[in-house]
Amino acid sequence: MMPTVKARRSVDCRGLLCPLPIIRLSRAIKEIQVGEVLEMLATDPGSVPDMKAFQAQTGHEILASTQEGGVYRFLVKRAR
C-alpha cells in the first residue's frame, strides 16, 4: 500500500529500458526542492535494482515502491 504522500512531480518512464528511467529521474529530481517528492512510473523490471543503486549513490530516499499490472511506481524524496 502506498503512503499518502503528494508527489510534486511525476516522471512517466513506462516503455523505457535501462538506463533511461534513471537518467530521466536524475534530471527531474533537480527540478524539485529538497524535501519534495517525485513519482516515477516504469515498466522495466530492471528499474527495481536500479532505484536501489540510485538511492545508494545519490542519497535521495525511496519512500515507497510498488508494482501493479506490470507498472513499477516509486516515490522518491529529494535529499539534497
PDB file of N, CA and C in Angstrom:
ATOM      1  N   MET A   1       0.846  -1.195   0.000  1.00  0.00           N
ATOM      2  CA  MET A   1       0.000   0.000   0.000  1.00  0.00           C
ATOM      3  C   MET A   1       0.887   1.252   0.000  1.00  0.00           C
ATOM      4  N   MET A   2       0.562   2.175  -0.875  1.00  0.00           N
ATOM      5  CA  MET A   2       1.326   3.415  -0.984  1.00  0.00           C
ATOM      6  C   MET A   2       0.972   4.371   0.144  1.00  0.00           C
ATOM      7  N   PRO A   3       1.980   5.017   0.692  1.00  0.00           N
ATOM      8  CA  PRO A   3       1.673   6.045   1.687  1.00  0.00           C
ATOM      9  C   PRO A   3       0.977   7.222   1.009  1.00  0.00           C
ATOM     10  N   THR A   4       0.246   7.995   1.785  1.00  0.00           N
ATOM     11  CA  THR A   4      -0.445   9.148   1.213  1.00  0.00           C
ATOM     12  C   THR A   4       0.503  10.334   1.184  1.00  0.00           C
ATOM     13  N   VAL A   5       1.400  10.285   0.239  1.00  0.00           N
ATOM     14  CA  VAL A   5       2.388  11.338   0.043  1.00  0.00           C
ATOM     15  C   VAL A   5       2.064  12.002  -1.276  1.00  0.00           C
ATOM     16  N   LYS A   6       2.037  13.312  -1.291  1.00  0.00           N
ATOM     17  CA  LYS A   6       1.742  14.051  -2.509  1.00  0.00           C
ATOM     18  C   LYS A   6       3.022  14.294  -3.282  1.00  0.00           C
ATOM     19  N   ALA A   7       3.099  13.719  -4.474  1.00  0.00           N
ATOM     20  CA  ALA A   7       4.270  13.919  -5.328  1.00  0.00           C
ATOM     21  C   ALA A   7       4.192  15.290  -5.978  1.00  0.00           C
ATOM     22  N   ARG A   8       5.287  16.007  -5.937  1.00  0.00           N
ATOM     23  CA  ARG A   8       5.373  17.339  -6.540  1.00  0.00           C
ATOM     24  C   ARG A   8       5.359  17.223  -8.057  1.00  0.00           C
ATOM     25  N   ARG A   9       5.924  16.134  -8.551  1.00  0.00           N
ATOM     26  CA  ARG A   9       6.056  15.938  -9.985  1.00  0.00           C
ATOM     27  C   ARG A   9       6.052  14.447 -10.288  1.00  0.00           C
ATOM     28  N   SER A  10       5.616  14.085 -11.481  1.00  0.00           N
ATOM     29  CA  SER A  10       5.620  12.686 -11.897  1.00  0.00           C
ATOM     30  C   SER A  10       6.442  12.535 -13.172  1.00  0.00           C
ATOM     31  N   VAL A  11       7.227  11.470 -13.240  1.00  0.00           N
ATOM     32  CA  VAL A  11       8.032  11.173 -14.415  1.00  0.00           C
ATOM     33  C   VAL A  11       7.553   9.832 -14.962  1.00  0.00           C
ATOM     34  N   ASP A  12       7.010   9.842 -16.177  1.00  0.00           N
ATOM     35  CA  ASP A  12       6.476   8.625 -16.786  1.00  0.00           C
ATOM     36  C   ASP A  12       7.552   7.995 -17.666  1.00  0.00           C
ATOM     37  N   CYS A  13       8.124   6.905 -17.186  1.00  0.00           N
ATOM     38  CA  CYS A  13       9.179   6.199 -17.918  1.00  0.00           C
ATOM     39  C   CYS A  13       8.691   4.850 -18.424  1.00  0.00           C
ATOM     40  N   ARG A  14       7.375   4.685 -18.505  1.00  0.00           N
ATOM     41  CA  ARG A  14       6.828   3.419 -18.987  1.00  0.00           C
ATOM     42  C   ARG A  14       7.262   3.195 -20.435  1.00  0.00           C
ATOM     43  N   GLY A  15       7.710   1.969 -20.707  1.00  0.00           N
ATOM     44  CA  GLY A  15       8.151   1.617 -22.051  1.00  0.00           C
ATOM     45  C   GLY A  15       9.629   1.876 -22.297  1.00  0.00           C
ATOM     46  N   LEU A  16      10.306   2.519 -21.353  1.00  0.00           N
ATOM     47  CA  LEU A  16      11.732   2.812 -21.500  1.00  0.00           C
ATOM     48  C   LEU A  16      12.560   1.749 -20.784  1.00  0.00           C
ATOM     49  N   LEU A  17      13.721   1.460 -21.340  1.00  0.00           N
ATOM     50  CA  LEU A  17      14.617   0.474 -20.739  1.00  0.00           C
ATOM     51  C   LEU A  17      15.829   1.157 -20.126  1.00  0.00           C
ATOM     52  N   CYS A  18      16.468   0.447 -19.200  1.00  0.00           N
ATOM     53  CA  CYS A  18      17.667   0.922 -18.523  1.00  0.00           C
ATOM     54  C   CYS A  18      18.680   1.413 -19.556  1.00  0.00           C
ATOM     55  N   PRO A  19      19.309   2.523 -19.353  1.00  0.00           N
ATOM     56  CA  PRO A  19      19.332   3.378 -18.162  1.00  0.00           C
ATOM     57  C   PRO A  19      18.391   4.588 -18.235  1.00  0.00           C
ATOM     58  N   LEU A  20      17.514   4.635 -19.255  1.00  0.00           N
ATOM     59  CA  LEU A  20      16.694   5.835 -19.462  1.00  0.00           C
ATOM     60  C   LEU A  20      15.828   6.249 -18.268  1.00  0.00           C
ATOM     61  N   PRO A  21      15.147   5.316 -17.564  1.00  0.00           N
ATOM     62  CA  PRO A  21      14.355   5.771 -16.413  1.00  0.00           C
ATOM     63  C   PRO A  21      15.200   6.492 -15.357  1.00  0.00           C
ATOM     64  N   ILE A  22      16.386   5.987 -15.071  1.00  0.00           N
ATOM     65  CA  ILE A  22      17.245   6.620 -14.063  1.00  0.00           C
ATOM     66  C   ILE A  22      17.758   7.967 -14.562  1.00  0.00           C
ATOM     67  N   ILE A  23      18.090   8.047 -15.836  1.00  0.00           N
ATOM     68  CA  ILE A  23      18.554   9.322 -16.407  1.00  0.00           C
ATOM     69  C   ILE A  23      17.451  10.373 -16.297  1.00  0.00           C
ATOM     70  N   ARG A  24      16.224   9.995 -16.660  1.00  0.00           N
ATOM     71  CA  ARG A  24      15.109  10.955 -16.579  1.00  0.00           C
ATOM     72  C   ARG A  24      14.810  11.333 -15.134  1.00  0.00           C
ATOM     73  N   LEU A  25      14.887  10.367 -14.228  1.00  0.00           N
ATOM     74  CA  LEU A  25      14.679  10.652 -12.810  1.00  0.00           C
ATOM     75  C   LEU A  25      15.744  11.611 -12.297  1.00  0.00           C
ATOM     76  N   SER A  26      16.995  11.374 -12.675  1.00  0.00           N
ATOM     77  CA  SER A  26      18.101  12.233 -12.232  1.00  0.00           C
ATOM     78  C   SER A  26      17.899  13.676 -12.673  1.00  0.00           C
ATOM     79  N   ARG A  27      17.420  13.862 -13.889  1.00  0.00           N
ATOM     80  CA  ARG A  27      17.154  15.221 -14.396  1.00  0.00           C
ATOM     81  C   ARG A  27      15.972  15.852 -13.669  1.00  0.00           C
ATOM     82  N   ALA A  28      14.902  15.082 -13.507  1.00  0.00           N
ATOM     83  CA  ALA A  28      13.670  15.618 -12.918  1.00  0.00           C
ATOM     84  C   ALA A  28      13.843  15.975 -11.448  1.00  0.00           C
ATOM     85  N   ILE A  29      14.636  15.211 -10.723  1.00  0.00           N
ATOM     86  CA  ILE A  29      14.767  15.461  -9.283  1.00  0.00           C
ATOM     87  C   ILE A  29      15.470  16.791  -9.019  1.00  0.00           C
ATOM     88  N   LYS A  30      16.253  17.253  -9.989  1.00  0.00           N
ATOM     89  CA  LYS A  30      16.921  18.553  -9.859  1.00  0.00           C
ATOM     90  C   LYS A  30      15.940  19.717 -10.000  1.00  0.00           C
ATOM     91  N   GLU A  31      14.744  19.426 -10.501  1.00  0.00           N
ATOM     92  CA  GLU A  31      13.746  20.463 -10.742  1.00  0.00           C
ATOM     93  C   GLU A  31      12.766  20.637  -9.584  1.00  0.00           C
ATOM     94  N   ILE A  32      12.928  19.828  -8.532  1.00  0.00           N
ATOM     95  CA  ILE A  32      12.087  19.992  -7.338  1.00  0.00           C
ATOM     96  C   ILE A  32      12.968  20.429  -6.176  1.00  0.00           C
ATOM     97  N   GLN A  33      12.347  20.903  -5.127  1.00  0.00           N
ATOM     98  CA  GLN A  33      13.076  21.392  -3.954  1.00  0.00           C
ATOM     99  C   GLN A  33      13.470  20.235  -3.034  1.00  0.00           C
ATOM    100  N   VAL A  34      14.514  20.445  -2.246  1.00  0.00           N
ATOM    101  CA  VAL A  34      14.919  19.468  -1.236  1.00  0.00           C
ATOM    102  C   VAL A  34      13.723  19.215  -0.314  1.00  0.00           C
ATOM    103  N   GLY A  35      13.433  17.955  -0.042  1.00  0.00           N
ATOM    104  CA  GLY A  35      12.311  17.581   0.805  1.00  0.00           C
ATOM    105  C   GLY A  35      11.035  17.279   0.033  1.00  0.00           C
ATOM    106  N   GLU A  36      10.974  17.690  -1.231  1.00  0.00           N
ATOM    107  CA  GLU A  36       9.796  17.385  -2.047  1.00  0.00           C
ATOM    108  C   GLU A  36       9.911  15.977  -2.615  1.00  0.00           C
ATOM    109  N   VAL A  37       8.777  15.456  -3.083  1.00  0.00           N
ATOM    110  CA  VAL A  37       8.705  14.062  -3.536  1.00  0.00           C
ATOM    111  C   VAL A  37       8.409  14.005  -5.033  1.00  0.00           C
ATOM    112  N   LEU A  38       9.067  13.069  -5.692  1.00  0.00           N
ATOM    113  CA  LEU A  38       8.913  12.828  -7.117  1.00  0.00           C
ATOM    114  C   LEU A  38       8.377  11.418  -7.300  1.00  0.00           C
ATOM    115  N   GLU A  39       7.427  11.259  -8.191  1.00  0.00           N
ATOM    116  CA  GLU A  39       6.905   9.934  -8.532  1.00  0.00           C
ATOM    117  C   GLU A  39       7.523   9.506  -9.863  1.00  0.00           C
ATOM    118  N   MET A  40       7.950   8.257  -9.933  1.00  0.00           N
ATOM    119  CA  MET A  40       8.422   7.714 -11.201  1.00  0.00           C
ATOM    120  C   MET A  40       7.658   6.441 -11.514  1.00  0.00           C
ATOM    121  N   LEU A  41       7.170   6.340 -12.747  1.00  0.00           N
ATOM    122  CA  LEU A  41       6.492   5.143 -13.225  1.00  0.00           C
ATOM    123  C   LEU A  41       7.375   4.481 -14.263  1.00  0.00           C
ATOM    124  N   ALA A  42       7.549   3.172 -14.167  1.00  0.00           N
ATOM    125  CA  ALA A  42       8.392   2.432 -15.106  1.00  0.00           C
ATOM    126  C   ALA A  42       7.803   1.049 -15.350  1.00  0.00           C
ATOM    127  N   THR A  43       8.152   0.465 -16.487  1.00  0.00           N
ATOM    128  CA  THR A  43       7.721  -0.900 -16.791  1.00  0.00           C
ATOM    129  C   THR A  43       8.902  -1.855 -16.859  1.00  0.00           C
ATOM    130  N   ASP A  44      10.113  -1.344 -16.808  1.00  0.00           N
ATOM    131  CA  ASP A  44      11.317  -2.170 -16.868  1.00  0.00           C
ATOM    132  C   ASP A  44      11.586  -2.792 -15.493  1.00  0.00           C
ATOM    133  N   PRO A  45      11.553  -4.144 -15.385  1.00  0.00           N
ATOM    134  CA  PRO A  45      11.834  -4.773 -14.091  1.00  0.00           C
ATOM    135  C   PRO A  45      13.213  -4.398 -13.546  1.00  0.00           C
ATOM    136  N   GLY A  46      14.128  -4.020 -14.427  1.00  0.00           N
ATOM    137  CA  GLY A  46      15.450  -3.592 -14.005  1.00  0.00           C
ATOM    138  C   GLY A  46      15.435  -2.292 -13.227  1.00  0.00           C
ATOM    139  N   SER A  47      14.308  -1.594 -13.260  1.00  0.00           N
ATOM    140  CA  SER A  47      14.218  -0.330 -12.518  1.00  0.00           C
ATOM    141  C   SER A  47      14.276  -0.552 -11.009  1.00  0.00           C
ATOM    142  N   VAL A  48      13.882  -1.747 -10.553  1.00  0.00           N
ATOM    143  CA  VAL A  48      13.905  -2.019  -9.109  1.00  0.00           C
ATOM    144  C   VAL A  48      15.341  -2.008  -8.561  1.00  0.00           C
ATOM    145  N   PRO A  49      16.268  -2.819  -9.111  1.00  0.00           N
ATOM    146  CA  PRO A  49      17.646  -2.728  -8.620  1.00  0.00           C
ATOM    147  C   PRO A  49      18.302  -1.387  -8.973  1.00  0.00           C
ATOM    148  N   ASP A  50      17.921  -0.809 -10.110  1.00  0.00           N
ATOM    149  CA  ASP A  50      18.466   0.498 -10.491  1.00  0.00           C
ATOM    150  C   ASP A  50      18.109   1.568  -9.466  1.00  0.00           C
ATOM    151  N   MET A  51      16.885   1.510  -8.955  1.00  0.00           N
ATOM    152  CA  MET A  51      16.447   2.512  -7.966  1.00  0.00           C
ATOM    153  C   MET A  51      17.210   2.341  -6.653  1.00  0.00           C
ATOM    154  N   LYS A  52      17.494   1.095  -6.262  1.00  0.00           N
ATOM    155  CA  LYS A  52      18.279   0.866  -5.043  1.00  0.00           C
ATOM    156  C   LYS A  52      19.673   1.456  -5.204  1.00  0.00           C
ATOM    157  N   ALA A  53      20.272   1.254  -6.376  1.00  0.00           N
ATOM    158  CA  ALA A  53      21.597   1.810  -6.651  1.00  0.00           C
ATOM    159  C   ALA A  53      21.542   3.338  -6.693  1.00  0.00           C
ATOM    160  N   PHE A  54      20.478   3.884  -7.286  1.00  0.00           N
ATOM    161  CA  PHE A  54      20.298   5.335  -7.351  1.00  0.00           C
ATOM    162  C   PHE A  54      20.245   5.927  -5.943  1.00  0.00           C
ATOM    163  N   GLN A  55      19.485   5.281  -5.074  1.00  0.00           N
ATOM    164  CA  GLN A  55      19.366   5.753  -3.694  1.00  0.00           C
ATOM    165  C   GLN A  55      20.729   5.705  -2.988  1.00  0.00           C
ATOM    166  N   ALA A  56      21.456   4.617  -3.176  1.00  0.00           N
ATOM    167  CA  ALA A  56      22.764   4.460  -2.521  1.00  0.00           C
ATOM    168  C   ALA A  56      23.772   5.494  -3.029  1.00  0.00           C
ATOM    169  N   GLN A  57      23.722   5.799  -4.316  1.00  0.00           N
ATOM    170  CA  GLN A  57      24.694   6.708  -4.913  1.00  0.00           C
ATOM    171  C   GLN A  57      24.362   8.175  -4.674  1.00  0.00           C
ATOM    172  N   THR A  58      23.072   8.509  -4.607  1.00  0.00           N
ATOM    173  CA  THR A  58      22.679   9.924  -4.532  1.00  0.00           C
ATOM    174  C   THR A  58      22.247  10.371  -3.147  1.00  0.00           C
ATOM    175  N   GLY A  59      21.790   9.421  -2.316  1.00  0.00           N
ATOM    176  CA  GLY A  59      21.286   9.786  -1.001  1.00  0.00           C
ATOM    177  C   GLY A  59      19.816  10.168  -1.001  1.00  0.00           C
ATOM    178  N   HIS A  60      19.201  10.256  -2.199  1.00  0.00           N
ATOM    179  CA  HIS A  60      17.761  10.536  -2.253  1.00  0.00           C
ATOM    180  C   HIS A  60      17.028   9.316  -1.709  1.00  0.00           C
ATOM    181  N   GLU A  61      15.923   9.553  -1.003  1.00  0.00           N
ATOM    182  CA  GLU A  61      15.245   8.482  -0.277  1.00  0.00           C
ATOM    183  C   GLU A  61      14.057   7.912  -1.044  1.00  0.00           C
ATOM    184  N   ILE A  62      14.053   6.591  -1.223  1.00  0.00           N
ATOM    185  CA  ILE A  62      12.888   5.929  -1.814  1.00  0.00           C
ATOM    186  C   ILE A  62      11.877   5.734  -0.690  1.00  0.00           C
ATOM    187  N   LEU A  63      10.790   6.490  -0.745  1.00  0.00           N
ATOM    188  CA  LEU A  63       9.758   6.415   0.294  1.00  0.00           C
ATOM    189  C   LEU A  63       8.875   5.191   0.108  1.00  0.00           C
ATOM    190  N   ALA A  64       8.640   4.819  -1.148  1.00  0.00           N
ATOM    191  CA  ALA A  64       7.763   3.685  -1.427  1.00  0.00           C
ATOM    192  C   ALA A  64       8.058   3.135  -2.807  1.00  0.00           C
ATOM    193  N   SER A  65       7.790   1.843  -2.952  1.00  0.00           N
ATOM    194  CA  SER A  65       7.984   1.157  -4.223  1.00  0.00           C
ATOM    195  C   SER A  65       6.895   0.099  -4.336  1.00  0.00           C
ATOM    196  N   THR A  66       6.100   0.169  -5.402  1.00  0.00           N
ATOM    197  CA  THR A  66       5.053  -0.833  -5.615  1.00  0.00           C
ATOM    198  C   THR A  66       5.088  -1.301  -7.062  1.00  0.00           C
ATOM    199  N   GLN A  67       4.442  -2.437  -7.292  1.00  0.00           N
ATOM    200  CA  GLN A  67       4.330  -2.970  -8.640  1.00  0.00           C
ATOM    201  C   GLN A  67       2.914  -3.476  -8.811  1.00  0.00           C
ATOM    202  N   GLU A  68       2.253  -2.993  -9.865  1.00  0.00           N
ATOM    203  CA  GLU A  68       0.880  -3.420 -10.121  1.00  0.00           C
ATOM    204  C   GLU A  68       0.646  -3.427 -11.619  1.00  0.00           C
ATOM    205  N   GLY A  69       0.200  -4.559 -12.138  1.00  0.00           N
ATOM    206  CA  GLY A  69      -0.099  -4.659 -13.563  1.00  0.00           C
ATOM    207  C   GLY A  69       1.083  -4.367 -14.463  1.00  0.00           C
ATOM    208  N   GLY A  70       2.278  -4.753 -14.027  1.00  0.00           N
ATOM    209  CA  GLY A  70       3.465  -4.539 -14.845  1.00  0.00           C
ATOM    210  C   GLY A  70       4.047  -3.138 -14.760  1.00  0.00           C
ATOM    211  N   VAL A  71       3.465  -2.298 -13.917  1.00  0.00           N
ATOM    212  CA  VAL A  71       3.980  -0.932 -13.747  1.00  0.00           C
ATOM    213  C   VAL A  71       4.592  -0.792 -12.355  1.00  0.00           C
ATOM    214  N   TYR A  72       5.821  -0.343 -12.321  1.00  0.00           N
ATOM    215  CA  TYR A  72       6.528  -0.094 -11.066  1.00  0.00           C
ATOM    216  C   TYR A  72       6.367   1.387 -10.734  1.00  0.00           C
ATOM    217  N   ARG A  73       5.992   1.663  -9.492  1.00  0.00           N
ATOM    218  CA  ARG A  73       5.797   3.056  -9.058  1.00  0.00           C
ATOM    219  C   ARG A  73       6.720   3.317  -7.874  1.00  0.00           C
ATOM    220  N   PHE A  74       7.487   4.382  -7.986  1.00  0.00           N
ATOM    221  CA  PHE A  74       8.420   4.758  -6.938  1.00  0.00           C
ATOM    222  C   PHE A  74       8.123   6.187  -6.489  1.00  0.00           C
ATOM    223  N   LEU A  75       8.201   6.413  -5.181  1.00  0.00           N
ATOM    224  CA  LEU A  75       8.137   7.760  -4.632  1.00  0.00           C
ATOM    225  C   LEU A  75       9.512   8.074  -4.066  1.00  0.00           C
ATOM    226  N   VAL A  76      10.133   9.129  -4.568  1.00  0.00           N
ATOM    227  CA  VAL A  76      11.498   9.469  -4.205  1.00  0.00           C
ATOM    228  C   VAL A  76      11.536  10.870  -3.615  1.00  0.00           C
ATOM    229  N   LYS A  77      12.110  10.974  -2.425  1.00  0.00           N
ATOM    230  CA  LYS A  77      12.233  12.267  -1.742  1.00  0.00           C
ATOM    231  C   LYS A  77      13.621  12.837  -2.002  1.00  0.00           C
ATOM    232  N   ARG A  78      13.659  14.092  -2.481  1.00  0.00           N
ATOM    233  CA  ARG A  78      14.947  14.726  -2.751  1.00  0.00           C
ATOM    234  C   ARG A  78      15.648  15.037  -1.429  1.00  0.00           C
ATOM    235  N   ALA A  79      16.891  14.593  -1.316  1.00  0.00           N
ATOM    236  CA  ALA A  79      17.635  14.725  -0.066  1.00  0.00           C
ATOM    237  C   ALA A  79      18.549  15.953  -0.039  1.00  0.00           C
ATOM    238  N   ARG A  80      19.062  16.353  -1.199  1.00  0.00           N
ATOM    239  CA  ARG A  80      19.995  17.472  -1.222  1.00  0.00           C
ATOM    240  C   ARG A  80      19.890  18.242  -2.512  1.00  0.00           C
TER     241      ARG A  80
END
